[in-house]
Amino acid sequence: MADDEALDALSDEELGEPIAELADYSVPPPTYLMPRVRHSIFRRTLAGDVTRFATWGPITALMELLRAVFESLRGTAGDTQNDGTD
């Protein structure tokens, strides 16, 4: 833990330039890596969207149902009071 804090405290200048010899050891990523990562991201996004819809869909439907009921009750109460027989 203390080593991590000490490493975070160092700036890029204090760490020095990367060793040029290590550049020769770079290995290109395999061709299947990017589609696999993309698929993983899409799968997580889909799971989040399904969870959000499963949570808020019924709540929204219930709110719309209650709004429709209250509007219909308010509309019928207004019709009986304003029948034009003042």
PDB file of N, CA and C in Angstrom:
ATOM      1  N   MET A   1       0.824  -1.184   0.000  1.00  0.00           N
ATOM      2  CA  MET A   1       0.000   0.000   0.000  1.00  0.00           C
ATOM      3  C   MET A   1       0.865   1.243   0.000  1.00  0.00           C
ATOM      4  N   ALA A   2       1.903   1.249   0.818  1.00  0.00           N
ATOM      5  CA  ALA A   2       2.801   2.397   0.881  1.00  0.00           C
ATOM      6  C   ALA A   2       3.570   2.551  -0.422  1.00  0.00           C
ATOM      7  N   ASP A   3       3.907   1.425  -1.073  1.00  0.00           N
ATOM      8  CA  ASP A   3       4.612   1.495  -2.347  1.00  0.00           C
ATOM      9  C   ASP A   3       3.736   2.135  -3.419  1.00  0.00           C
ATOM     10  N   ASP A   4       2.450   1.824  -3.418  1.00  0.00           N
ATOM     11  CA  ASP A   4       1.532   2.410  -4.388  1.00  0.00           C
ATOM     12  C   ASP A   4       1.424   3.915  -4.199  1.00  0.00           C
ATOM     13  N   GLU A   5       1.359   4.352  -2.955  1.00  0.00           N
ATOM     14  CA  GLU A   5       1.273   5.790  -2.681  1.00  0.00           C
ATOM     15  C   GLU A   5       2.563   6.487  -3.092  1.00  0.00           C
ATOM     16  N   ALA A   6       3.694   5.852  -2.861  1.00  0.00           N
ATOM     17  CA  ALA A   6       4.977   6.450  -3.250  1.00  0.00           C
ATOM     18  C   ALA A   6       5.086   6.519  -4.764  1.00  0.00           C
ATOM     19  N   LEU A   7       4.594   5.511  -5.466  1.00  0.00           N
ATOM     20  CA  LEU A   7       4.644   5.500  -6.925  1.00  0.00           C
ATOM     21  C   LEU A   7       3.706   6.552  -7.497  1.00  0.00           C
ATOM     22  N   ASP A   8       2.545   6.738  -6.894  1.00  0.00           N
ATOM     23  CA  ASP A   8       1.609   7.761  -7.357  1.00  0.00           C
ATOM     24  C   ASP A   8       2.179   9.158  -7.155  1.00  0.00           C
ATOM     25  N   ALA A   9       2.988   9.339  -6.128  1.00  0.00           N
ATOM     26  CA  ALA A   9       3.562  10.650  -5.836  1.00  0.00           C
ATOM     27  C   ALA A   9       4.635  11.033  -6.850  1.00  0.00           C
ATOM     28  N   LEU A  10       5.239  10.057  -7.529  1.00  0.00           N
ATOM     29  CA  LEU A  10       6.279  10.356  -8.507  1.00  0.00           C
ATOM     30  C   LEU A  10       5.659  10.919  -9.779  1.00  0.00           C
ATOM     31  N   SER A  11       6.318  11.899 -10.356  1.00  0.00           N
ATOM     32  CA  SER A  11       5.846  12.457 -11.612  1.00  0.00           C
ATOM     33  C   SER A  11       6.470  11.672 -12.764  1.00  0.00           C
ATOM     34  N   ASP A  12       6.022  11.972 -13.984  1.00  0.00           N
ATOM     35  CA  ASP A  12       6.566  11.286 -15.155  1.00  0.00           C
ATOM     36  C   ASP A  12       8.044  11.611 -15.357  1.00  0.00           C
ATOM     37  N   GLU A  13       8.449  12.807 -15.005  1.00  0.00           N
ATOM     38  CA  GLU A  13       9.849  13.186 -15.181  1.00  0.00           C
ATOM     39  C   GLU A  13      10.752  12.385 -14.243  1.00  0.00           C
ATOM     40  N   GLU A  14      10.279  12.104 -13.054  1.00  0.00           N
ATOM     41  CA  GLU A  14      11.087  11.356 -12.094  1.00  0.00           C
ATOM     42  C   GLU A  14      11.200   9.885 -12.471  1.00  0.00           C
ATOM     43  N   LEU A  15      10.203   9.381 -13.189  1.00  0.00           N
ATOM     44  CA  LEU A  15      10.250   7.980 -13.591  1.00  0.00           C
ATOM     45  C   LEU A  15      11.187   7.763 -14.765  1.00  0.00           C
ATOM     46  N   GLY A  16      11.433   8.783 -15.582  1.00  0.00           N
ATOM     47  CA  GLY A  16      12.349   8.667 -16.706  1.00  0.00           C
ATOM     48  C   GLY A  16      11.630   8.192 -17.960  1.00  0.00           C
ATOM     49  N   GLU A  17      12.385   8.151 -19.043  1.00  0.00           N
ATOM     50  CA  GLU A  17      11.851   7.710 -20.329  1.00  0.00           C
ATOM     51  C   GLU A  17      11.695   6.188 -20.339  1.00  0.00           C
ATOM     52  N   PRO A  18      10.697   5.690 -21.071  1.00  0.00           N
ATOM     53  CA  PRO A  18      10.568   4.231 -21.179  1.00  0.00           C
ATOM     54  C   PRO A  18      11.804   3.638 -21.860  1.00  0.00           C
ATOM     55  N   ILE A  19      12.122   2.457 -21.511  1.00  0.00           N
ATOM     56  CA  ILE A  19      13.306   1.799 -22.070  1.00  0.00           C
ATOM     57  C   ILE A  19      13.023   1.449 -23.520  1.00  0.00           C
ATOM     58  N   ALA A  20      13.889   1.907 -24.426  1.00  0.00           N
ATOM     59  CA  ALA A  20      13.678   1.720 -25.864  1.00  0.00           C
ATOM     60  C   ALA A  20      13.710   0.243 -26.250  1.00  0.00           C
ATOM     61  N   GLU A  21      14.459  -0.550 -25.531  1.00  0.00           N
ATOM     62  CA  GLU A  21      14.553  -1.974 -25.864  1.00  0.00           C
ATOM     63  C   GLU A  21      13.225  -2.695 -25.671  1.00  0.00           C
ATOM     64  N   LEU A  22      12.404  -2.218 -24.750  1.00  0.00           N
ATOM     65  CA  LEU A  22      11.121  -2.875 -24.522  1.00  0.00           C
ATOM     66  C   LEU A  22      10.150  -2.676 -25.679  1.00  0.00           C
ATOM     67  N   ALA A  23      10.359  -1.653 -26.500  1.00  0.00           N
ATOM     68  CA  ALA A  23       9.488  -1.411 -27.648  1.00  0.00           C
ATOM     69  C   ALA A  23       9.571  -2.559 -28.655  1.00  0.00           C
ATOM     70  N   ASP A  24      10.723  -3.207 -28.725  1.00  0.00           N
ATOM     71  CA  ASP A  24      10.886  -4.331 -29.646  1.00  0.00           C
ATOM     72  C   ASP A  24      10.077  -5.546 -29.208  1.00  0.00           C
ATOM     73  N   TYR A  25       9.713  -5.615 -27.949  1.00  0.00           N
ATOM     74  CA  TYR A  25       8.991  -6.769 -27.433  1.00  0.00           C
ATOM     75  C   TYR A  25       7.470  -6.618 -27.521  1.00  0.00           C
ATOM     76  N   SER A  26       7.018  -5.520 -28.094  1.00  0.00           N
ATOM     77  CA  SER A  26       5.560  -5.333 -28.153  1.00  0.00           C
ATOM     78  C   SER A  26       4.943  -6.385 -29.081  1.00  0.00           C
ATOM     79  N   VAL A  27       3.820  -6.884 -28.671  1.00  0.00           N
ATOM     80  CA  VAL A  27       3.124  -7.922 -29.411  1.00  0.00           C
ATOM     81  C   VAL A  27       1.770  -7.353 -29.832  1.00  0.00           C
ATOM     82  N   PRO A  28       1.439  -7.431 -31.118  1.00  0.00           N
ATOM     83  CA  PRO A  28       0.137  -6.918 -31.525  1.00  0.00           C
ATOM     84  C   PRO A  28      -0.982  -7.768 -30.912  1.00  0.00           C
ATOM     85  N   PRO A  29      -2.088  -7.163 -30.604  1.00  0.00           N
ATOM     86  CA  PRO A  29      -3.175  -7.947 -30.009  1.00  0.00           C
ATOM     87  C   PRO A  29      -3.745  -8.927 -31.028  1.00  0.00           C
ATOM     88  N   PRO A  30      -4.262 -10.038 -30.562  1.00  0.00           N
ATOM     89  CA  PRO A  30      -4.851 -11.003 -31.487  1.00  0.00           C
ATOM     90  C   PRO A  30      -6.087 -10.411 -32.173  1.00  0.00           C
ATOM     91  N   THR A  31      -6.408 -10.939 -33.330  1.00  0.00           N
ATOM     92  CA  THR A  31      -7.517 -10.383 -34.116  1.00  0.00           C
ATOM     93  C   THR A  31      -8.865 -10.590 -33.440  1.00  0.00           C
ATOM     94  N   TYR A  32      -8.994 -11.581 -32.597  1.00  0.00           N
ATOM     95  CA  TYR A  32     -10.269 -11.847 -31.951  1.00  0.00           C
ATOM     96  C   TYR A  32     -10.500 -10.974 -30.707  1.00  0.00           C
ATOM     97  N   LEU A  33      -9.490 -10.217 -30.294  1.00  0.00           N
ATOM     98  CA  LEU A  33      -9.610  -9.463 -29.047  1.00  0.00           C
ATOM     99  C   LEU A  33     -10.639  -8.340 -29.144  1.00  0.00           C
ATOM    100  N   MET A  34     -10.573  -7.504 -30.190  1.00  0.00           N
ATOM    101  CA  MET A  34     -11.482  -6.363 -30.284  1.00  0.00           C
ATOM    102  C   MET A  34     -12.946  -6.800 -30.415  1.00  0.00           C
ATOM    103  N   PRO A  35     -13.293  -7.765 -31.274  1.00  0.00           N
ATOM    104  CA  PRO A  35     -14.697  -8.207 -31.292  1.00  0.00           C
ATOM    105  C   PRO A  35     -15.152  -8.791 -29.958  1.00  0.00           C
ATOM    106  N   ARG A  36     -14.242  -9.450 -29.267  1.00  0.00           N
ATOM    107  CA  ARG A  36     -14.594 -10.027 -27.971  1.00  0.00           C
ATOM    108  C   ARG A  36     -14.865  -8.938 -26.938  1.00  0.00           C
ATOM    109  N   VAL A  37     -14.026  -7.914 -26.926  1.00  0.00           N
ATOM    110  CA  VAL A  37     -14.226  -6.789 -26.006  1.00  0.00           C
ATOM    111  C   VAL A  37     -15.508  -6.053 -26.356  1.00  0.00           C
ATOM    112  N   ARG A  38     -15.734  -5.813 -27.645  1.00  0.00           N
ATOM    113  CA  ARG A  38     -16.947  -5.127 -28.097  1.00  0.00           C
ATOM    114  C   ARG A  38     -18.194  -5.921 -27.686  1.00  0.00           C
ATOM    115  N   HIS A  39     -18.148  -7.238 -27.863  1.00  0.00           N
ATOM    116  CA  HIS A  39     -19.269  -8.088 -27.478  1.00  0.00           C
ATOM    117  C   HIS A  39     -19.518  -8.014 -25.976  1.00  0.00           C
ATOM    118  N   SER A  40     -18.460  -7.989 -25.199  1.00  0.00           N
ATOM    119  CA  SER A  40     -18.593  -7.891 -23.746  1.00  0.00           C
ATOM    120  C   SER A  40     -19.233  -6.564 -23.345  1.00  0.00           C
ATOM    121  N   ILE A  41     -18.826  -5.482 -24.005  1.00  0.00           N
ATOM    122  CA  ILE A  41     -19.409  -4.171 -23.706  1.00  0.00           C
ATOM    123  C   ILE A  41     -20.886  -4.159 -24.088  1.00  0.00           C
ATOM    124  N   PHE A  42     -21.224  -4.685 -25.249  1.00  0.00           N
ATOM    125  CA  PHE A  42     -22.629  -4.731 -25.678  1.00  0.00           C
ATOM    126  C   PHE A  42     -23.466  -5.568 -24.724  1.00  0.00           C
ATOM    127  N   ARG A  43     -22.903  -6.679 -24.254  1.00  0.00           N
ATOM    128  CA  ARG A  43     -23.636  -7.548 -23.335  1.00  0.00           C
ATOM    129  C   ARG A  43     -23.924  -6.830 -22.016  1.00  0.00           C
ATOM    130  N   ARG A  44     -22.945  -6.104 -21.500  1.00  0.00           N
ATOM    131  CA  ARG A  44     -23.150  -5.357 -20.251  1.00  0.00           C
ATOM    132  C   ARG A  44     -24.138  -4.217 -20.449  1.00  0.00           C
ATOM    133  N   THR A  45     -24.070  -3.555 -21.595  1.00  0.00           N
ATOM    134  CA  THR A  45     -25.013  -2.477 -21.888  1.00  0.00           C
ATOM    135  C   THR A  45     -26.432  -3.027 -21.990  1.00  0.00           C
ATOM    136  N   LEU A  46     -26.583  -4.151 -22.659  1.00  0.00           N
ATOM    137  CA  LEU A  46     -27.898  -4.768 -22.782  1.00  0.00           C
ATOM    138  C   LEU A  46     -28.438  -5.185 -21.422  1.00  0.00           C
ATOM    139  N   ALA A  47     -27.597  -5.755 -20.585  1.00  0.00           N
ATOM    140  CA  ALA A  47     -28.039  -6.150 -19.249  1.00  0.00           C
ATOM    141  C   ALA A  47     -28.484  -4.937 -18.440  1.00  0.00           C
ATOM    142  N   GLY A  48     -27.768  -3.829 -18.561  1.00  0.00           N
ATOM    143  CA  GLY A  48     -28.160  -2.608 -17.864  1.00  0.00           C
ATOM    144  C   GLY A  48     -29.477  -2.053 -18.373  1.00  0.00           C
ATOM    145  N   ASP A  49     -29.662  -2.084 -19.700  1.00  0.00           N
ATOM    146  CA  ASP A  49     -30.913  -1.587 -20.277  1.00  0.00           C
ATOM    147  C   ASP A  49     -32.097  -2.458 -19.878  1.00  0.00           C
ATOM    148  N   VAL A  50     -31.919  -3.761 -19.887  1.00  0.00           N
ATOM    149  CA  VAL A  50     -33.002  -4.665 -19.487  1.00  0.00           C
ATOM    150  C   VAL A  50     -33.350  -4.468 -18.014  1.00  0.00           C
ATOM    151  N   THR A  51     -32.339  -4.315 -17.186  1.00  0.00           N
ATOM    152  CA  THR A  51     -32.593  -4.083 -15.759  1.00  0.00           C
ATOM    153  C   THR A  51     -33.323  -2.768 -15.547  1.00  0.00           C
ATOM    154  N   ARG A  52     -32.904  -1.729 -16.244  1.00  0.00           N
ATOM    155  CA  ARG A  52     -33.556  -0.423 -16.120  1.00  0.00           C
ATOM    156  C   ARG A  52     -35.010  -0.501 -16.574  1.00  0.00           C
ATOM    157  N   PHE A  53     -35.250  -1.176 -17.697  1.00  0.00           N
ATOM    158  CA  PHE A  53     -36.622  -1.302 -18.188  1.00  0.00           C
ATOM    159  C   PHE A  53     -37.466  -2.154 -17.245  1.00  0.00           C
ATOM    160  N   ALA A  54     -36.891  -3.230 -16.740  1.00  0.00           N
ATOM    161  CA  ALA A  54     -37.639  -4.098 -15.824  1.00  0.00           C
ATOM    162  C   ALA A  54     -37.991  -3.373 -14.534  1.00  0.00           C
ATOM    163  N   THR A  55     -37.165  -2.406 -14.140  1.00  0.00           N
ATOM    164  CA  THR A  55     -37.429  -1.652 -12.920  1.00  0.00           C
ATOM    165  C   THR A  55     -38.410  -0.518 -13.171  1.00  0.00           C
ATOM    166  N   TRP A  56     -38.123   0.297 -14.175  1.00  0.00           N
ATOM    167  CA  TRP A  56     -38.921   1.501 -14.386  1.00  0.00           C
ATOM    168  C   TRP A  56     -40.142   1.275 -15.266  1.00  0.00           C
ATOM    169  N   GLY A  57     -40.175   0.215 -16.061  1.00  0.00           N
ATOM    170  CA  GLY A  57     -41.333  -0.052 -16.916  1.00  0.00           C
ATOM    171  C   GLY A  57     -42.620  -0.226 -16.122  1.00  0.00           C
ATOM    172  N   PRO A  58     -42.662  -1.152 -15.165  1.00  0.00           N
ATOM    173  CA  PRO A  58     -43.895  -1.315 -14.374  1.00  0.00           C
ATOM    174  C   PRO A  58     -44.235  -0.076 -13.547  1.00  0.00           C
ATOM    175  N   ILE A  59     -43.225   0.606 -13.027  1.00  0.00           N
ATOM    176  CA  ILE A  59     -43.492   1.810 -12.240  1.00  0.00           C
ATOM    177  C   ILE A  59     -44.117   2.884 -13.124  1.00  0.00           C
ATOM    178  N   THR A  60     -43.582   3.066 -14.323  1.00  0.00           N
ATOM    179  CA  THR A  60     -44.124   4.055 -15.250  1.00  0.00           C
ATOM    180  C   THR A  60     -45.538   3.678 -15.673  1.00  0.00           C
ATOM    181  N   ALA A  61     -45.766   2.401 -15.947  1.00  0.00           N
ATOM    182  CA  ALA A  61     -47.109   1.960 -16.336  1.00  0.00           C
ATOM    183  C   ALA A  61     -48.106   2.196 -15.204  1.00  0.00           C
ATOM    184  N   LEU A  62     -47.714   1.927 -13.964  1.00  0.00           N
ATOM    185  CA  LEU A  62     -48.595   2.159 -12.825  1.00  0.00           C
ATOM    186  C   LEU A  62     -48.886   3.648 -12.659  1.00  0.00           C
ATOM    187  N   MET A  63     -47.878   4.488 -12.828  1.00  0.00           N
ATOM    188  CA  MET A  63     -48.086   5.933 -12.721  1.00  0.00           C
ATOM    189  C   MET A  63     -49.047   6.433 -13.801  1.00  0.00           C
ATOM    190  N   GLU A  64     -48.910   5.926 -15.016  1.00  0.00           N
ATOM    191  CA  GLU A  64     -49.824   6.321 -16.093  1.00  0.00           C
ATOM    192  C   GLU A  64     -51.243   5.835 -15.823  1.00  0.00           C
ATOM    193  N   LEU A  65     -51.369   4.641 -15.278  1.00  0.00           N
ATOM    194  CA  LEU A  65     -52.693   4.120 -14.938  1.00  0.00           C
ATOM    195  C   LEU A  65     -53.339   4.977 -13.850  1.00  0.00           C
ATOM    196  N   LEU A  66     -52.594   5.314 -12.820  1.00  0.00           N
ATOM    197  CA  LEU A  66     -53.141   6.164 -11.760  1.00  0.00           C
ATOM    198  C   LEU A  66     -53.478   7.562 -12.280  1.00  0.00           C
ATOM    199  N   ARG A  67     -52.656   8.090 -13.164  1.00  0.00           N
ATOM    200  CA  ARG A  67     -52.940   9.400 -13.746  1.00  0.00           C
ATOM    201  C   ARG A  67     -54.222   9.366 -14.553  1.00  0.00           C
ATOM    202  N   ALA A  68     -54.413   8.295 -15.328  1.00  0.00           N
ATOM    203  CA  ALA A  68     -55.635   8.165 -16.126  1.00  0.00           C
ATOM    204  C   ALA A  68     -56.862   8.039 -15.225  1.00  0.00           C
ATOM    205  N   VAL A  69     -56.751   7.286 -14.137  1.00  0.00           N
ATOM    206  CA  VAL A  69     -57.880   7.118 -13.217  1.00  0.00           C
ATOM    207  C   VAL A  69     -58.226   8.450 -12.569  1.00  0.00           C
ATOM    208  N   PHE A  70     -57.226   9.175 -12.077  1.00  0.00           N
ATOM    209  CA  PHE A  70     -57.499  10.447 -11.420  1.00  0.00           C
ATOM    210  C   PHE A  70     -58.028  11.497 -12.399  1.00  0.00           C
ATOM    211  N   GLU A  71     -57.540  11.482 -13.622  1.00  0.00           N
ATOM    212  CA  GLU A  71     -58.069  12.422 -14.614  1.00  0.00           C
ATOM    213  C   GLU A  71     -59.509  12.096 -14.963  1.00  0.00           C
ATOM    214  N   SER A  72     -59.838  10.815 -15.042  1.00  0.00           N
ATOM    215  CA  SER A  72     -61.226  10.453 -15.360  1.00  0.00           C
ATOM    216  C   SER A  72     -62.152  10.794 -14.192  1.00  0.00           C
ATOM    217  N   LEU A  73     -61.697  10.616 -12.955  1.00  0.00           N
ATOM    218  CA  LEU A  73     -62.523  10.987 -11.803  1.00  0.00           C
ATOM    219  C   LEU A  73     -62.705  12.494 -11.722  1.00  0.00           C
ATOM    220  N   ARG A  74     -61.665  13.224 -11.986  1.00  0.00           N
ATOM    221  CA  ARG A  74     -61.751  14.672 -11.955  1.00  0.00           C
ATOM    222  C   ARG A  74     -62.643  15.179 -13.092  1.00  0.00           C
ATOM    223  N   GLY A  75     -62.577  14.536 -14.228  1.00  0.00           N
ATOM    224  CA  GLY A  75     -63.395  14.936 -15.372  1.00  0.00           C
ATOM    225  C   GLY A  75     -64.875  14.686 -15.118  1.00  0.00           C
ATOM    226  N   THR A  76     -65.258  13.561 -14.491  1.00  0.00           N
ATOM    227  CA  THR A  76     -66.670  13.273 -14.221  1.00  0.00           C
ATOM    228  C   THR A  76     -67.180  14.146 -13.101  1.00  0.00           C
ATOM    229  N   ALA A  77     -66.354  14.450 -12.119  1.00  0.00           N
ATOM    230  CA  ALA A  77     -66.789  15.328 -11.031  1.00  0.00           C
ATOM    231  C   ALA A  77     -67.009  16.728 -11.565  1.00  0.00           C
ATOM    232  N   GLY A  78     -66.202  17.179 -12.483  1.00  0.00           N
ATOM    233  CA  GLY A  78     -66.372  18.504 -13.073  1.00  0.00           C
ATOM    234  C   GLY A  78     -67.620  18.579 -13.938  1.00  0.00           C
ATOM    235  N   ASP A  79     -68.004  17.474 -14.609  1.00  0.00           N
ATOM    236  CA  ASP A  79     -69.187  17.462 -15.462  1.00  0.00           C
ATOM    237  C   ASP A  79     -70.455  17.543 -14.630  1.00  0.00           C
ATOM    238  N   THR A  80     -70.492  16.910 -13.470  1.00  0.00           N
ATOM    239  CA  THR A  80     -71.722  16.938 -12.667  1.00  0.00           C
ATOM    240  C   THR A  80     -71.901  18.287 -11.978  1.00  0.00           C
ATOM    241  N   GLN A  81     -70.824  18.987 -11.689  1.00  0.00           N
ATOM    242  CA  GLN A  81     -70.948  20.277 -11.020  1.00  0.00           C
ATOM    243  C   GLN A  81     -71.275  21.386 -12.020  1.00  0.00           C
ATOM    244  N   ASN A  82     -70.794  21.270 -13.231  1.00  0.00           N
ATOM    245  CA  ASN A  82     -71.021  22.314 -14.230  1.00  0.00           C
ATOM    246  C   ASN A  82     -72.013  21.820 -15.276  1.00  0.00           C
ATOM    247  N   ASP A  83     -73.263  21.590 -14.861  1.00  0.00           N
ATOM    248  CA  ASP A  83     -74.248  21.107 -15.825  1.00  0.00           C
ATOM    249  C   ASP A  83     -75.010  22.236 -16.489  1.00  0.00           C
ATOM    250  N   GLY A  84     -74.678  23.475 -16.172  1.00  0.00           N
ATOM    251  CA  GLY A  84     -75.269  24.632 -16.838  1.00  0.00           C
ATOM    252  C   GLY A  84     -76.604  25.072 -16.263  1.00  0.00           C
ATOM    253  N   THR A  85     -76.956  24.667 -15.056  1.00  0.00           N
ATOM    254  CA  THR A  85     -78.254  25.043 -14.443  1.00  0.00           C
ATOM    255  C   THR A  85     -78.077  26.121 -13.386  1.00  0.00           C
ATOM    256  N   ASP A  86     -77.119  26.992 -13.564  1.00  0.00           N
ATOM    257  CA  ASP A  86     -76.889  28.046 -12.558  1.00  0.00           C
ATOM    258  C   ASP A  86     -78.105  28.855 -12.366  1.00  0.00           C
TER     259      ASP A  86
END
